[in-house]
């Protein structure tokens, strides 16, 4: 059974929150010199960005067109890089994504969810 648009939007919001938590834990692990903790937290960030990209790919175009300012294809492409080209992942881009790019995505998804 396919997930509804609302469920997909909720998946994105949950992925955003979990990626933020994992990023905070990654910074704490780095401060403590815990390299394993850093890698586990980084892997969690990647997983949640993958989930976000998968949810975006599953949303119908008419939903995504409600906010044409969002780089939906880039979000979907990041999912593809994480899933298929993991050797090309650049940690600095992942960090920037969590720090800055998730904020406008969250705002957009909340607006979309309210309009359903």
PDB file of N, CA and C in Angstrom:
ATOM      1  N   UNK A   1       0.845  -1.184   0.000  1.00  0.00           N
ATOM      2  CA  UNK A   1       0.000   0.000   0.000  1.00  0.00           C
ATOM      3  C   UNK A   1       0.885   1.240   0.000  1.00  0.00           C
ATOM      4  N   UNK A   2       0.556   2.167  -0.850  1.00  0.00           N
ATOM      5  CA  UNK A   2       1.334   3.390  -0.978  1.00  0.00           C
ATOM      6  C   UNK A   2       1.021   4.344   0.175  1.00  0.00           C
ATOM      7  N   UNK A   3       2.036   5.111   0.540  1.00  0.00           N
ATOM      8  CA  UNK A   3       1.853   6.091   1.607  1.00  0.00           C
ATOM      9  C   UNK A   3       1.170   7.336   1.039  1.00  0.00           C
ATOM     10  N   UNK A   4       0.365   7.975   1.861  1.00  0.00           N
ATOM     11  CA  UNK A   4      -0.343   9.182   1.434  1.00  0.00           C
ATOM     12  C   UNK A   4       0.616  10.367   1.344  1.00  0.00           C
ATOM     13  N   UNK A   5       0.140  11.430   0.715  1.00  0.00           N
ATOM     14  CA  UNK A   5       0.945  12.651   0.620  1.00  0.00           C
ATOM     15  C   UNK A   5       1.263  13.187   2.005  1.00  0.00           C
ATOM     16  N   UNK A   6       0.281  13.162   2.897  1.00  0.00           N
ATOM     17  CA  UNK A   6       0.498  13.636   4.263  1.00  0.00           C
ATOM     18  C   UNK A   6       1.569  12.790   4.961  1.00  0.00           C
ATOM     19  N   UNK A   7       1.508  11.492   4.772  1.00  0.00           N
ATOM     20  CA  UNK A   7       2.513  10.618   5.389  1.00  0.00           C
ATOM     21  C   UNK A   7       3.898  10.903   4.827  1.00  0.00           C
ATOM     22  N   UNK A   8       3.984  11.137   3.532  1.00  0.00           N
ATOM     23  CA  UNK A   8       5.283  11.465   2.919  1.00  0.00           C
ATOM     24  C   UNK A   8       5.816  12.785   3.461  1.00  0.00           C
ATOM     25  N   UNK A   9       4.948  13.778   3.606  1.00  0.00           N
ATOM     26  CA  UNK A   9       5.379  15.057   4.178  1.00  0.00           C
ATOM     27  C   UNK A   9       5.824  14.877   5.623  1.00  0.00           C
ATOM     28  N   UNK A  10       5.098  14.035   6.373  1.00  0.00           N
ATOM     29  CA  UNK A  10       5.510  13.727   7.750  1.00  0.00           C
ATOM     30  C   UNK A  10       6.860  13.015   7.770  1.00  0.00           C
ATOM     31  N   UNK A  11       7.103  12.125   6.800  1.00  0.00           N
ATOM     32  CA  UNK A  11       8.402  11.450   6.702  1.00  0.00           C
ATOM     33  C   UNK A  11       9.526  12.468   6.525  1.00  0.00           C
ATOM     34  N   UNK A  12       9.272  13.480   5.698  1.00  0.00           N
ATOM     35  CA  UNK A  12      10.277  14.524   5.474  1.00  0.00           C
ATOM     36  C   UNK A  12      10.538  15.289   6.764  1.00  0.00           C
ATOM     37  N   UNK A  13       9.478  15.687   7.450  1.00  0.00           N
ATOM     38  CA  UNK A  13       9.639  16.437   8.702  1.00  0.00           C
ATOM     39  C   UNK A  13      10.363  15.613   9.754  1.00  0.00           C
ATOM     40  N   UNK A  14      10.030  14.339   9.846  1.00  0.00           N
ATOM     41  CA  UNK A  14      10.703  13.462  10.809  1.00  0.00           C
ATOM     42  C   UNK A  14      12.180  13.287  10.432  1.00  0.00           C
ATOM     43  N   UNK A  15      12.462  13.156   9.144  1.00  0.00           N
ATOM     44  CA  UNK A  15      13.848  13.048   8.691  1.00  0.00           C
ATOM     45  C   UNK A  15      14.650  14.292   9.016  1.00  0.00           C
ATOM     46  N   UNK A  16      14.022  15.454   8.856  1.00  0.00           N
ATOM     47  CA  UNK A  16      14.688  16.718   9.197  1.00  0.00           C
ATOM     48  C   UNK A  16      15.045  16.742  10.675  1.00  0.00           C
ATOM     49  N   UNK A  17      14.079  16.424  11.522  1.00  0.00           N
ATOM     50  CA  UNK A  17      14.329  16.455  12.971  1.00  0.00           C
ATOM     51  C   UNK A  17      15.417  15.459  13.366  1.00  0.00           C
ATOM     52  N   UNK A  18      15.341  14.266  12.841  1.00  0.00           N
ATOM     53  CA  UNK A  18      16.338  13.243  13.185  1.00  0.00           C
ATOM     54  C   UNK A  18      17.727  13.603  12.669  1.00  0.00           C
ATOM     55  N   UNK A  19      17.795  14.213  11.489  1.00  0.00           N
ATOM     56  CA  UNK A  19      19.096  14.645  10.970  1.00  0.00           C
ATOM     57  C   UNK A  19      19.700  15.723  11.865  1.00  0.00           C
ATOM     58  N   UNK A  20      18.872  16.611  12.359  1.00  0.00           N
ATOM     59  CA  UNK A  20      19.362  17.656  13.270  1.00  0.00           C
ATOM     60  C   UNK A  20      19.871  17.050  14.575  1.00  0.00           C
ATOM     61  N   UNK A  21      19.137  16.104  15.117  1.00  0.00           N
ATOM     62  CA  UNK A  21      19.570  15.439  16.362  1.00  0.00           C
ATOM     63  C   UNK A  21      20.890  14.713  16.122  1.00  0.00           C
ATOM     64  N   UNK A  22      20.982  13.991  15.017  1.00  0.00           N
ATOM     65  CA  UNK A  22      22.216  13.265  14.704  1.00  0.00           C
ATOM     66  C   UNK A  22      23.388  14.222  14.509  1.00  0.00           C
ATOM     67  N   UNK A  23      23.132  15.377  13.904  1.00  0.00           N
ATOM     68  CA  UNK A  23      24.196  16.370  13.718  1.00  0.00           C
ATOM     69  C   UNK A  23      24.697  16.888  15.060  1.00  0.00           C
ATOM     70  N   UNK A  24      23.789  17.145  15.972  1.00  0.00           N
ATOM     71  CA  UNK A  24      24.192  17.598  17.311  1.00  0.00           C
ATOM     72  C   UNK A  24      25.007  16.514  18.017  1.00  0.00           C
ATOM     73  N   UNK A  25      24.581  15.278  17.887  1.00  0.00           N
ATOM     74  CA  UNK A  25      25.325  14.168  18.502  1.00  0.00           C
ATOM     75  C   UNK A  25      26.682  13.973  17.841  1.00  0.00           C
ATOM     76  N   UNK A  26      26.749  14.224  16.554  1.00  0.00           N
ATOM     77  CA  UNK A  26      28.023  14.112  15.857  1.00  0.00           C
ATOM     78  C   UNK A  26      29.006  15.164  16.366  1.00  0.00           C
ATOM     79  N   UNK A  27      28.512  16.389  16.544  1.00  0.00           N
ATOM     80  CA  UNK A  27      29.390  17.446  17.070  1.00  0.00           C
ATOM     81  C   UNK A  27      29.844  17.123  18.488  1.00  0.00           C
ATOM     82  N   UNK A  28      28.943  16.592  19.312  1.00  0.00           N
ATOM     83  CA  UNK A  28      29.312  16.216  20.685  1.00  0.00           C
ATOM     84  C   UNK A  28      30.337  15.094  20.671  1.00  0.00           C
ATOM     85  N   UNK A  29      30.154  14.123  19.798  1.00  0.00           N
ATOM     86  CA  UNK A  29      31.111  13.016  19.700  1.00  0.00           C
ATOM     87  C   UNK A  29      32.471  13.527  19.229  1.00  0.00           C
ATOM     88  N   UNK A  30      32.463  14.461  18.284  1.00  0.00           N
ATOM     89  CA  UNK A  30      33.724  15.035  17.801  1.00  0.00           C
ATOM     90  C   UNK A  30      34.439  15.779  18.916  1.00  0.00           C
ATOM     91  N   UNK A  31      33.682  16.540  19.705  1.00  0.00           N
ATOM     92  CA  UNK A  31      34.274  17.265  20.830  1.00  0.00           C
ATOM     93  C   UNK A  31      34.868  16.320  21.862  1.00  0.00           C
ATOM     94  N   UNK A  32      34.271  15.140  22.004  1.00  0.00           N
ATOM     95  CA  UNK A  32      34.747  14.144  22.973  1.00  0.00           C
ATOM     96  C   UNK A  32      35.835  13.250  22.387  1.00  0.00           C
ATOM     97  N   UNK A  33      36.161  13.439  21.121  1.00  0.00           N
ATOM     98  CA  UNK A  33      37.170  12.600  20.484  1.00  0.00           C
ATOM     99  C   UNK A  33      36.688  11.193  20.179  1.00  0.00           C
ATOM    100  N   UNK A  34      35.392  11.024  20.083  1.00  0.00           N
ATOM    101  CA  UNK A  34      34.782   9.717  19.834  1.00  0.00           C
ATOM    102  C   UNK A  34      34.565   9.526  18.341  1.00  0.00           C
ATOM    103  N   UNK A  35      35.558   8.981  17.654  1.00  0.00           N
ATOM    104  CA  UNK A  35      35.475   8.826  16.199  1.00  0.00           C
ATOM    105  C   UNK A  35      34.376   7.850  15.773  1.00  0.00           C
ATOM    106  N   UNK A  36      34.163   6.799  16.545  1.00  0.00           N
ATOM    107  CA  UNK A  36      33.086   5.860  16.228  1.00  0.00           C
ATOM    108  C   UNK A  36      31.739   6.561  16.363  1.00  0.00           C
ATOM    109  N   UNK A  37      31.578   7.343  17.420  1.00  0.00           N
ATOM    110  CA  UNK A  37      30.345   8.100  17.611  1.00  0.00           C
ATOM    111  C   UNK A  37      30.102   9.086  16.482  1.00  0.00           C
ATOM    112  N   UNK A  38      31.165   9.705  16.000  1.00  0.00           N
ATOM    113  CA  UNK A  38      31.056  10.632  14.863  1.00  0.00           C
ATOM    114  C   UNK A  38      30.550   9.880  13.641  1.00  0.00           C
ATOM    115  N   UNK A  39      31.126   8.719  13.367  1.00  0.00           N
ATOM    116  CA  UNK A  39      30.730   7.969  12.176  1.00  0.00           C
ATOM    117  C   UNK A  39      29.304   7.447  12.283  1.00  0.00           C
ATOM    118  N   UNK A  40      28.913   6.981  13.456  1.00  0.00           N
ATOM    119  CA  UNK A  40      27.545   6.491  13.638  1.00  0.00           C
ATOM    120  C   UNK A  40      26.548   7.635  13.442  1.00  0.00           C
ATOM    121  N   UNK A  41      26.843   8.791  14.001  1.00  0.00           N
ATOM    122  CA  UNK A  41      25.953   9.948  13.840  1.00  0.00           C
ATOM    123  C   UNK A  41      25.911  10.398  12.380  1.00  0.00           C
ATOM    124  N   UNK A  42      27.062  10.394  11.709  1.00  0.00           N
ATOM    125  CA  UNK A  42      27.100  10.775  10.294  1.00  0.00           C
ATOM    126  C   UNK A  42      26.263   9.810   9.457  1.00  0.00           C
ATOM    127  N   UNK A  43      26.377   8.527   9.755  1.00  0.00           N
ATOM    128  CA  UNK A  43      25.568   7.531   9.047  1.00  0.00           C
ATOM    129  C   UNK A  43      24.078   7.776   9.269  1.00  0.00           C
ATOM    130  N   UNK A  44      23.707   8.188  10.467  1.00  0.00           N
ATOM    131  CA  UNK A  44      22.307   8.508  10.755  1.00  0.00           C
ATOM    132  C   UNK A  44      21.848   9.713   9.943  1.00  0.00           C
ATOM    133  N   UNK A  45      22.687  10.709   9.827  1.00  0.00           N
ATOM    134  CA  UNK A  45      22.358  11.879   9.001  1.00  0.00           C
ATOM    135  C   UNK A  45      22.122  11.438   7.562  1.00  0.00           C
ATOM    136  N   UNK A  46      23.031  10.623   7.036  1.00  0.00           N
ATOM    137  CA  UNK A  46      22.881  10.152   5.657  1.00  0.00           C
ATOM    138  C   UNK A  46      21.578   9.383   5.477  1.00  0.00           C
ATOM    139  N   UNK A  47      21.273   8.519   6.425  1.00  0.00           N
ATOM    140  CA  UNK A  47      20.032   7.747   6.331  1.00  0.00           C
ATOM    141  C   UNK A  47      18.830   8.678   6.275  1.00  0.00           C
ATOM    142  N   UNK A  48      18.799   9.671   7.126  1.00  0.00           N
ATOM    143  CA  UNK A  48      17.649  10.570   7.168  1.00  0.00           C
ATOM    144  C   UNK A  48      17.565  11.453   5.930  1.00  0.00           C
ATOM    145  N   UNK A  49      18.684  11.857   5.373  1.00  0.00           N
ATOM    146  CA  UNK A  49      18.657  12.602   4.113  1.00  0.00           C
ATOM    147  C   UNK A  49      18.175  11.699   2.975  1.00  0.00           C
ATOM    148  N   UNK A  50      18.531  10.425   3.038  1.00  0.00           N
ATOM    149  CA  UNK A  50      18.038   9.450   2.062  1.00  0.00           C
ATOM    150  C   UNK A  50      16.518   9.331   2.153  1.00  0.00           C
ATOM    151  N   UNK A  51      16.004   9.222   3.382  1.00  0.00           N
ATOM    152  CA  UNK A  51      14.549   9.128   3.597  1.00  0.00           C
ATOM    153  C   UNK A  51      13.854  10.377   3.059  1.00  0.00           C
ATOM    154  N   UNK A  52      14.418  11.538   3.336  1.00  0.00           N
ATOM    155  CA  UNK A  52      13.840  12.792   2.840  1.00  0.00           C
ATOM    156  C   UNK A  52      13.778  12.763   1.313  1.00  0.00           C
ATOM    157  N   UNK A  53      14.881  12.393   0.681  1.00  0.00           N
ATOM    158  CA  UNK A  53      14.916  12.335  -0.778  1.00  0.00           C
ATOM    159  C   UNK A  53      13.939  11.330  -1.340  1.00  0.00           C
ATOM    160  N   UNK A  54      13.803  10.194  -0.699  1.00  0.00           N
ATOM    161  CA  UNK A  54      12.868   9.165  -1.152  1.00  0.00           C
ATOM    162  C   UNK A  54      11.427   9.665  -1.037  1.00  0.00           C
ATOM    163  N   UNK A  55      11.128  10.349   0.047  1.00  0.00           N
ATOM    164  CA  UNK A  55       9.780  10.892   0.228  1.00  0.00           C
ATOM    165  C   UNK A  55       9.483  11.963  -0.819  1.00  0.00           C
ATOM    166  N   UNK A  56      10.460  12.813  -1.100  1.00  0.00           N
ATOM    167  CA  UNK A  56      10.281  13.847  -2.129  1.00  0.00           C
ATOM    168  C   UNK A  56      10.019  13.195  -3.481  1.00  0.00           C
ATOM    169  N   UNK A  57      10.792  12.164  -3.811  1.00  0.00           N
ATOM    170  CA  UNK A  57      10.612  11.485  -5.094  1.00  0.00           C
ATOM    171  C   UNK A  57       9.225  10.857  -5.222  1.00  0.00           C
ATOM    172  N   UNK A  58       8.629  10.490  -4.100  1.00  0.00           N
ATOM    173  CA  UNK A  58       7.325   9.824  -4.125  1.00  0.00           C
ATOM    174  C   UNK A  58       6.150  10.800  -4.154  1.00  0.00           C
ATOM    175  N   UNK A  59       6.416  12.077  -3.899  1.00  0.00           N
ATOM    176  CA  UNK A  59       5.332  13.062  -3.929  1.00  0.00           C
ATOM    177  C   UNK A  59       4.946  13.384  -5.368  1.00  0.00           C
ATOM    178  N   UNK A  60       3.658  13.550  -5.619  1.00  0.00           N
ATOM    179  CA  UNK A  60       3.234  13.885  -6.978  1.00  0.00           C
ATOM    180  C   UNK A  60       3.693  15.292  -7.379  1.00  0.00           C
ATOM    181  N   UNK A  61       3.948  15.489  -8.665  1.00  0.00           N
ATOM    182  CA  UNK A  61       4.419  16.797  -9.142  1.00  0.00           C
ATOM    183  C   UNK A  61       3.522  17.962  -8.743  1.00  0.00           C
ATOM    184  N   UNK A  62       2.211  17.759  -8.708  1.00  0.00           N
ATOM    185  CA  UNK A  62       1.314  18.868  -8.362  1.00  0.00           C
ATOM    186  C   UNK A  62       1.527  19.340  -6.925  1.00  0.00           C
ATOM    187  N   UNK A  63       1.984  18.466  -6.058  1.00  0.00           N
ATOM    188  CA  UNK A  63       2.312  18.879  -4.677  1.00  0.00           C
ATOM    189  C   UNK A  63       3.603  19.693  -4.692  1.00  0.00           C
ATOM    190  N   UNK A  64       4.613  19.199  -5.384  1.00  0.00           N
ATOM    191  CA  UNK A  64       5.905  19.883  -5.418  1.00  0.00           C
ATOM    192  C   UNK A  64       5.810  21.245  -6.106  1.00  0.00           C
ATOM    193  N   UNK A  65       4.903  21.382  -7.051  1.00  0.00           N
ATOM    194  CA  UNK A  65       4.746  22.647  -7.772  1.00  0.00           C
ATOM    195  C   UNK A  65       4.192  23.749  -6.880  1.00  0.00           C
ATOM    196  N   UNK A  66       3.691  23.385  -5.716  1.00  0.00           N
ATOM    197  CA  UNK A  66       3.183  24.404  -4.791  1.00  0.00           C
ATOM    198  C   UNK A  66       4.299  25.296  -4.263  1.00  0.00           C
ATOM    199  N   UNK A  67       5.534  24.798  -4.337  1.00  0.00           N
ATOM    200  CA  UNK A  67       6.683  25.613  -3.948  1.00  0.00           C
ATOM    201  C   UNK A  67       7.784  25.404  -4.981  1.00  0.00           C
ATOM    202  N   UNK A  68       7.716  26.182  -6.024  1.00  0.00           N
ATOM    203  CA  UNK A  68       8.695  26.044  -7.107  1.00  0.00           C
ATOM    204  C   UNK A  68      10.068  26.596  -6.732  1.00  0.00           C
ATOM    205  N   UNK A  69      10.165  27.270  -5.593  1.00  0.00           N
ATOM    206  CA  UNK A  69      11.465  27.796  -5.173  1.00  0.00           C
ATOM    207  C   UNK A  69      12.354  26.718  -4.546  1.00  0.00           C
ATOM    208  N   UNK A  70      11.756  25.601  -4.154  1.00  0.00           N
ATOM    209  CA  UNK A  70      12.536  24.516  -3.546  1.00  0.00           C
ATOM    210  C   UNK A  70      13.247  23.716  -4.634  1.00  0.00           C
ATOM    211  N   UNK A  71      14.507  23.359  -4.398  1.00  0.00           N
ATOM    212  CA  UNK A  71      15.244  22.573  -5.404  1.00  0.00           C
ATOM    213  C   UNK A  71      14.913  21.079  -5.286  1.00  0.00           C
ATOM    214  N   UNK A  72      13.685  20.719  -5.628  1.00  0.00           N
ATOM    215  CA  UNK A  72      13.218  19.342  -5.445  1.00  0.00           C
ATOM    216  C   UNK A  72      14.104  18.333  -6.150  1.00  0.00           C
ATOM    217  N   UNK A  73      14.552  18.662  -7.350  1.00  0.00           N
ATOM    218  CA  UNK A  73      15.381  17.704  -8.083  1.00  0.00           C
ATOM    219  C   UNK A  73      16.738  17.505  -7.402  1.00  0.00           C
ATOM    220  N   UNK A  74      17.264  18.553  -6.777  1.00  0.00           N
ATOM    221  CA  UNK A  74      18.526  18.417  -6.044  1.00  0.00           C
ATOM    222  C   UNK A  74      18.351  17.551  -4.803  1.00  0.00           C
ATOM    223  N   UNK A  75      17.204  17.677  -4.148  1.00  0.00           N
ATOM    224  CA  UNK A  75      16.916  16.852  -2.982  1.00  0.00           C
ATOM    225  C   UNK A  75      16.845  15.384  -3.403  1.00  0.00           C
ATOM    226  N   UNK A  76      16.152  15.125  -4.491  1.00  0.00           N
ATOM    227  CA  UNK A  76      16.061  13.760  -5.012  1.00  0.00           C
ATOM    228  C   UNK A  76      17.435  13.261  -5.455  1.00  0.00           C
ATOM    229  N   UNK A  77      18.230  14.132  -6.052  1.00  0.00           N
ATOM    230  CA  UNK A  77      19.567  13.748  -6.504  1.00  0.00           C
ATOM    231  C   UNK A  77      20.476  13.394  -5.332  1.00  0.00           C
ATOM    232  N   UNK A  78      20.331  14.109  -4.216  1.00  0.00           N
ATOM    233  CA  UNK A  78      21.151  13.784  -3.046  1.00  0.00           C
ATOM    234  C   UNK A  78      20.829  12.369  -2.574  1.00  0.00           C
ATOM    235  N   UNK A  79      19.547  12.007  -2.614  1.00  0.00           N
ATOM    236  CA  UNK A  79      19.146  10.652  -2.255  1.00  0.00           C
ATOM    237  C   UNK A  79      19.846   9.645  -3.154  1.00  0.00           C
ATOM    238  N   UNK A  80      19.923   9.949  -4.442  1.00  0.00           N
ATOM    239  CA  UNK A  80      20.574   9.043  -5.387  1.00  0.00           C
ATOM    240  C   UNK A  80      22.070   8.918  -5.112  1.00  0.00           C
ATOM    241  N   UNK A  81      22.707  10.024  -4.791  1.00  0.00           N
ATOM    242  CA  UNK A  81      24.138   9.982  -4.463  1.00  0.00           C
ATOM    243  C   UNK A  81      24.360   9.129  -3.217  1.00  0.00           C
ATOM    244  N   UNK A  82      23.560   9.343  -2.189  1.00  0.00           N
ATOM    245  CA  UNK A  82      23.711   8.574  -0.953  1.00  0.00           C
ATOM    246  C   UNK A  82      23.478   7.084  -1.221  1.00  0.00           C
ATOM    247  N   UNK A  83      22.479   6.764  -2.021  1.00  0.00           N
ATOM    248  CA  UNK A  83      22.137   5.370  -2.258  1.00  0.00           C
ATOM    249  C   UNK A  83      23.011   4.652  -3.270  1.00  0.00           C
ATOM    250  N   UNK A  84      23.472   5.376  -4.286  1.00  0.00           N
ATOM    251  CA  UNK A  84      24.173   4.706  -5.386  1.00  0.00           C
ATOM    252  C   UNK A  84      25.618   5.151  -5.585  1.00  0.00           C
ATOM    253  N   UNK A  85      25.952   6.339  -5.125  1.00  0.00           N
ATOM    254  CA  UNK A  85      27.297   6.884  -5.353  1.00  0.00           C
ATOM    255  C   UNK A  85      27.909   7.347  -4.033  1.00  0.00           C
ATOM    256  N   UNK A  86      27.720   6.525  -3.008  1.00  0.00           N
ATOM    257  CA  UNK A  86      28.151   6.867  -1.650  1.00  0.00           C
ATOM    258  C   UNK A  86      29.624   7.244  -1.571  1.00  0.00           C
ATOM    259  N   UNK A  87      30.420   6.751  -2.493  1.00  0.00           N
ATOM    260  CA  UNK A  87      31.852   7.074  -2.497  1.00  0.00           C
ATOM    261  C   UNK A  87      32.105   8.530  -2.893  1.00  0.00           C
ATOM    262  N   UNK A  88      31.078   9.209  -3.414  1.00  0.00           N
ATOM    263  CA  UNK A  88      31.208  10.614  -3.818  1.00  0.00           C
ATOM    264  C   UNK A  88      30.690  11.579  -2.755  1.00  0.00           C
ATOM    265  N   UNK A  89      30.267  11.081  -1.618  1.00  0.00           N
ATOM    266  CA  UNK A  89      29.708  11.946  -0.575  1.00  0.00           C
ATOM    267  C   UNK A  89      30.793  12.869  -0.028  1.00  0.00           C
ATOM    268  N   UNK A  90      30.456  14.139   0.059  1.00  0.00           N
ATOM    269  CA  UNK A  90      31.370  15.153   0.596  1.00  0.00           C
ATOM    270  C   UNK A  90      30.806  15.582   1.956  1.00  0.00           C
ATOM    271  N   UNK A  91      31.492  15.239   3.051  1.00  0.00           N
ATOM    272  CA  UNK A  91      30.960  15.576   4.377  1.00  0.00           C
ATOM    273  C   UNK A  91      30.622  17.044   4.559  1.00  0.00           C
ATOM    274  N   UNK A  92      31.390  17.942   3.980  1.00  0.00           N
ATOM    275  CA  UNK A  92      31.106  19.376   4.130  1.00  0.00           C
ATOM    276  C   UNK A  92      29.758  19.739   3.509  1.00  0.00           C
ATOM    277  N   UNK A  93      29.412  19.101   2.398  1.00  0.00           N
ATOM    278  CA  UNK A  93      28.109  19.366   1.770  1.00  0.00           C
ATOM    279  C   UNK A  93      26.984  18.822   2.643  1.00  0.00           C
ATOM    280  N   UNK A  94      27.201  17.658   3.217  1.00  0.00           N
ATOM    281  CA  UNK A  94      26.201  17.068   4.112  1.00  0.00           C
ATOM    282  C   UNK A  94      25.998  17.982   5.321  1.00  0.00           C
ATOM    283  N   UNK A  95      27.082  18.460   5.895  1.00  0.00           N
ATOM    284  CA  UNK A  95      26.989  19.355   7.057  1.00  0.00           C
ATOM    285  C   UNK A  95      26.240  20.638   6.690  1.00  0.00           C
ATOM    286  N   UNK A  96      26.577  21.233   5.540  1.00  0.00           N
ATOM    287  CA  UNK A  96      25.892  22.452   5.096  1.00  0.00           C
ATOM    288  C   UNK A  96      24.412  22.199   4.882  1.00  0.00           C
ATOM    289  N   UNK A  97      24.093  21.053   4.346  1.00  0.00           N
ATOM    290  CA  UNK A  97      22.695  20.700   4.113  1.00  0.00           C
ATOM    291  C   UNK A  97      21.928  20.700   5.423  1.00  0.00           C
ATOM    292  N   UNK A  98      22.483  20.076   6.442  1.00  0.00           N
ATOM    293  CA  UNK A  98      21.805  20.016   7.741  1.00  0.00           C
ATOM    294  C   UNK A  98      21.722  21.394   8.374  1.00  0.00           C
ATOM    295  N   UNK A  99      22.795  22.136   8.298  1.00  0.00           N
ATOM    296  CA  UNK A  99      22.858  23.442   8.956  1.00  0.00           C
ATOM    297  C   UNK A  99      21.981  24.503   8.297  1.00  0.00           C
ATOM    298  N   UNK A 100      21.881  24.498   6.973  1.00  0.00           N
ATOM    299  CA  UNK A 100      21.196  25.606   6.302  1.00  0.00           C
ATOM    300  C   UNK A 100      20.040  25.184   5.396  1.00  0.00           C
ATOM    301  N   UNK A 101      20.197  24.098   4.683  1.00  0.00           N
ATOM    302  CA  UNK A 101      19.204  23.749   3.661  1.00  0.00           C
ATOM    303  C   UNK A 101      17.941  23.113   4.225  1.00  0.00           C
ATOM    304  N   UNK A 102      18.015  22.540   5.415  1.00  0.00           N
ATOM    305  CA  UNK A 102      16.823  21.906   5.973  1.00  0.00           C
ATOM    306  C   UNK A 102      15.809  22.920   6.505  1.00  0.00           C
ATOM    307  N   UNK A 103      16.260  24.120   6.816  1.00  0.00           N
ATOM    308  CA  UNK A 103      15.343  25.144   7.350  1.00  0.00           C
ATOM    309  C   UNK A 103      14.285  25.528   6.311  1.00  0.00           C
ATOM    310  N   UNK A 104      14.680  25.950   5.096  1.00  0.00           N
ATOM    311  CA  UNK A 104      13.636  26.291   4.118  1.00  0.00           C
ATOM    312  C   UNK A 104      12.813  25.073   3.699  1.00  0.00           C
ATOM    313  N   UNK A 105      13.417  23.898   3.687  1.00  0.00           N
ATOM    314  CA  UNK A 105      12.659  22.690   3.357  1.00  0.00           C
ATOM    315  C   UNK A 105      11.574  22.451   4.392  1.00  0.00           C
ATOM    316  N   UNK A 106      11.924  22.581   5.650  1.00  0.00           N
ATOM    317  CA  UNK A 106      10.941  22.386   6.721  1.00  0.00           C
ATOM    318  C   UNK A 106       9.781  23.379   6.585  1.00  0.00           C
ATOM    319  N   UNK A 107      10.086  24.637   6.339  1.00  0.00           N
ATOM    320  CA  UNK A 107       9.055  25.665   6.185  1.00  0.00           C
ATOM    321  C   UNK A 107       8.137  25.307   5.016  1.00  0.00           C
ATOM    322  N   UNK A 108       8.731  24.926   3.901  1.00  0.00           N
ATOM    323  CA  UNK A 108       7.950  24.574   2.720  1.00  0.00           C
ATOM    324  C   UNK A 108       7.040  23.372   2.987  1.00  0.00           C
ATOM    325  N   UNK A 109       7.584  22.347   3.618  1.00  0.00           N
ATOM    326  CA  UNK A 109       6.796  21.127   3.873  1.00  0.00           C
ATOM    327  C   UNK A 109       5.675  21.412   4.855  1.00  0.00           C
ATOM    328  N   UNK A 110       5.950  22.227   5.862  1.00  0.00           N
ATOM    329  CA  UNK A 110       4.870  22.582   6.807  1.00  0.00           C
ATOM    330  C   UNK A 110       3.739  23.329   6.100  1.00  0.00           C
ATOM    331  N   UNK A 111       4.080  24.227   5.180  1.00  0.00           N
ATOM    332  CA  UNK A 111       3.054  24.946   4.401  1.00  0.00           C
ATOM    333  C   UNK A 111       2.254  23.968   3.543  1.00  0.00           C
ATOM    334  N   UNK A 112       2.959  23.061   2.895  1.00  0.00           N
ATOM    335  CA  UNK A 112       2.281  22.066   2.050  1.00  0.00           C
ATOM    336  C   UNK A 112       1.324  21.207   2.883  1.00  0.00           C
ATOM    337  N   UNK A 113       1.795  20.809   4.036  1.00  0.00           N
ATOM    338  CA  UNK A 113       0.981  19.962   4.908  1.00  0.00           C
ATOM    339  C   UNK A 113      -0.279  20.706   5.356  1.00  0.00           C
ATOM    340  N   UNK A 114      -0.124  21.984   5.673  1.00  0.00           N
ATOM    341  CA  UNK A 114      -1.280  22.790   6.083  1.00  0.00           C
ATOM    342  C   UNK A 114      -2.291  22.953   4.959  1.00  0.00           C
ATOM    343  N   UNK A 115      -1.829  22.923   3.716  1.00  0.00           N
ATOM    344  CA  UNK A 115      -2.732  23.129   2.593  1.00  0.00           C
ATOM    345  C   UNK A 115      -3.464  21.853   2.154  1.00  0.00           C
ATOM    346  N   UNK A 116      -3.097  20.725   2.722  1.00  0.00           N
ATOM    347  CA  UNK A 116      -3.774  19.464   2.348  1.00  0.00           C
ATOM    348  C   UNK A 116      -5.150  19.355   2.989  1.00  0.00           C
TER     349      UNK A 116
END
